[in-house]
């Protein structure tokens, strides 16, 4: 895993949302999303499996994260994370951040991911 830039993570640490830009057809689309930060400096996003952004990310994993109200930006890639791929630190961060999305317990999170109603994505820095 490639960590995201430390200044961006620091700006996000006290916030509730991140701006996520992805390619949408011939242009770009930006949405505000709740997020979780986990070691080694990656962001996790939980979304409905049939959301437009989830469908876009399946075709093109490039995203740009922006801390709201700042100029702190990082280009990154999203990768879908299955229930059995979550390490304990990431799982704890996701559970702490998304209880209102139905992920209030470890079992509930796993159920969301295993049934495919929701998708969890890890956003990490680019390798280039």
Protein backbone atom coordinates (compact mmCIF):
# COMPACT_ATOMS: atom_id res chain seq x y z
CA UNK A 1 0.00 0.00 0.00
CA UNK A 2 1.16 3.48 -0.83
CA UNK A 3 0.20 6.08 1.81
CA UNK A 4 -1.51 9.29 0.83
CA UNK A 5 0.40 12.55 1.40
CA UNK A 6 0.72 13.43 5.09
CA UNK A 7 -0.52 17.05 4.67
CA UNK A 8 -3.77 15.80 3.09
CA UNK A 9 -4.29 13.19 5.82
CA UNK A 10 -3.66 15.83 8.50
CA UNK A 11 -6.23 18.14 6.91
CA UNK A 12 -8.78 15.32 6.77
CA UNK A 13 -8.12 14.07 10.31
CA UNK A 14 -10.58 16.46 11.98
CA UNK A 15 -13.13 16.48 9.16
CA UNK A 16 -16.18 14.45 8.34
CA UNK A 17 -16.04 14.58 4.55
CA UNK A 18 -13.63 14.41 1.67
CA UNK A 19 -14.23 15.59 -1.89
CA UNK A 20 -13.76 12.68 -4.30
CA UNK A 21 -13.38 13.46 -7.98
CA UNK A 22 -13.48 10.70 -10.59
CA UNK A 23 -13.79 10.49 -14.32
CA UNK A 24 -17.40 10.58 -15.48
CA UNK A 25 -17.76 9.97 -19.19
CA UNK A 26 -15.91 12.73 -21.02
CA UNK A 27 -15.65 14.91 -17.91
CA UNK A 28 -15.19 14.74 -14.17
CA UNK A 29 -17.63 14.27 -11.31
CA UNK A 30 -17.06 15.28 -7.69
CA UNK A 31 -18.95 14.06 -4.63
CA UNK A 32 -18.65 14.64 -0.88
CA UNK A 33 -18.17 11.44 1.05
CA UNK A 34 -17.64 10.29 4.60
CA UNK A 35 -14.37 8.45 5.03
CA UNK A 36 -12.17 6.58 7.46
CA UNK A 37 -8.39 6.92 7.73
CA UNK A 38 -6.36 3.83 8.63
CA UNK A 39 -2.68 2.88 8.74
CA UNK A 40 -0.43 3.21 6.84
CA UNK A 41 -2.16 6.42 5.70
CA UNK A 42 -4.95 5.28 3.43
CA UNK A 43 -8.60 6.33 3.22
CA UNK A 44 -11.58 3.97 3.18
CA UNK A 45 -14.87 4.85 1.47
CA UNK A 46 -18.10 2.91 1.92
CA UNK A 47 -20.83 3.27 -0.69
CA UNK A 48 -23.94 1.62 -2.05
CA UNK A 49 -23.01 -1.05 -4.57
CA UNK A 50 -25.15 0.50 -7.29
CA UNK A 51 -24.03 4.10 -6.89
CA UNK A 52 -22.68 5.84 -9.97
CA UNK A 53 -19.32 6.36 -8.34
CA UNK A 54 -18.94 2.64 -7.58
CA UNK A 55 -19.73 1.83 -11.20
CA UNK A 56 -17.22 4.49 -12.38
CA UNK A 57 -14.51 3.17 -10.08
CA UNK A 58 -15.00 -0.36 -11.41
CA UNK A 59 -14.14 1.00 -14.88
CA UNK A 60 -11.49 3.52 -13.87
CA UNK A 61 -9.88 3.49 -10.39
CA UNK A 62 -8.33 6.98 -10.67
CA UNK A 63 -9.61 9.54 -8.15
CA UNK A 64 -8.56 12.90 -6.78
CA UNK A 65 -9.09 13.54 -3.07
CA UNK A 66 -9.45 17.10 -1.83
CA UNK A 67 -9.73 18.29 1.75
CA UNK A 68 -12.82 20.56 1.77
CA UNK A 69 -12.01 24.23 2.09
CA UNK A 70 -8.37 23.76 1.19
CA UNK A 71 -6.05 23.34 -1.75
CA UNK A 72 -4.73 20.05 -0.40
CA UNK A 73 -5.20 17.50 -3.16
CA UNK A 74 -3.85 14.06 -4.02
CA UNK A 75 -4.33 11.87 -7.03
CA UNK A 76 -4.94 8.31 -5.95
CA UNK A 77 -6.40 4.96 -6.90
CA UNK A 78 -9.33 3.11 -5.39
CA UNK A 79 -9.33 -0.60 -4.81
CA UNK A 80 -12.32 -2.64 -3.70
CA UNK A 81 -11.78 -4.38 -0.37
CA UNK A 82 -13.57 -7.62 0.43
CA UNK A 83 -14.66 -8.48 3.97
CA UNK A 84 -11.90 -11.04 4.48
CA UNK A 85 -9.21 -8.58 3.31
CA UNK A 86 -9.70 -6.07 6.13
CA UNK A 87 -6.90 -5.95 8.66
CA UNK A 88 -7.87 -5.20 12.29
CA UNK A 89 -6.76 -1.54 12.20
CA UNK A 90 -8.70 -0.81 9.01
CA UNK A 91 -11.74 -2.65 10.30
CA UNK A 92 -11.69 -0.62 13.52
CA UNK A 93 -11.44 2.66 11.59
CA UNK A 94 -14.31 1.71 9.28
CA UNK A 95 -16.53 0.58 12.18
CA UNK A 96 -15.86 3.82 14.06
CA UNK A 97 -16.78 5.96 11.05
CA UNK A 98 -19.75 4.21 9.41
CA UNK A 99 -22.18 2.97 12.09
CA UNK A 100 -25.08 4.90 10.50
CA UNK A 101 -24.53 3.10 7.19
CA UNK A 102 -25.32 -0.22 8.84
CA UNK A 103 -21.73 -1.05 9.81
CA UNK A 104 -22.12 -0.70 13.57
CA UNK A 105 -20.53 -4.06 14.39
CA UNK A 106 -17.93 -6.32 12.83
CA UNK A 107 -20.64 -8.79 11.86
CA UNK A 108 -22.83 -6.07 10.33
CA UNK A 109 -19.92 -4.72 8.27
CA UNK A 110 -19.06 -8.18 7.01
CA UNK A 111 -22.70 -8.80 6.12
CA UNK A 112 -22.87 -5.56 4.10
CA UNK A 113 -19.74 -6.49 2.18
CA UNK A 114 -20.47 -10.20 1.73
CA UNK A 115 -24.02 -9.66 0.45
CA UNK A 116 -22.76 -6.97 -1.91
CA UNK A 117 -25.25 -4.27 -0.88
CA UNK A 118 -22.34 -1.97 -0.05
CA UNK A 119 -18.81 -1.78 -1.36
CA UNK A 120 -15.74 -0.74 0.58
CA UNK A 121 -12.90 0.95 -1.27
CA UNK A 122 -9.37 1.66 -0.10
CA UNK A 123 -7.87 4.85 -1.52
CA UNK A 124 -4.12 4.88 -1.61
CA UNK A 125 -1.41 6.93 -3.23
CA UNK A 126 -0.32 6.23 -6.76
CA UNK A 127 2.75 4.13 -7.45
CA UNK A 128 4.20 6.48 -10.10
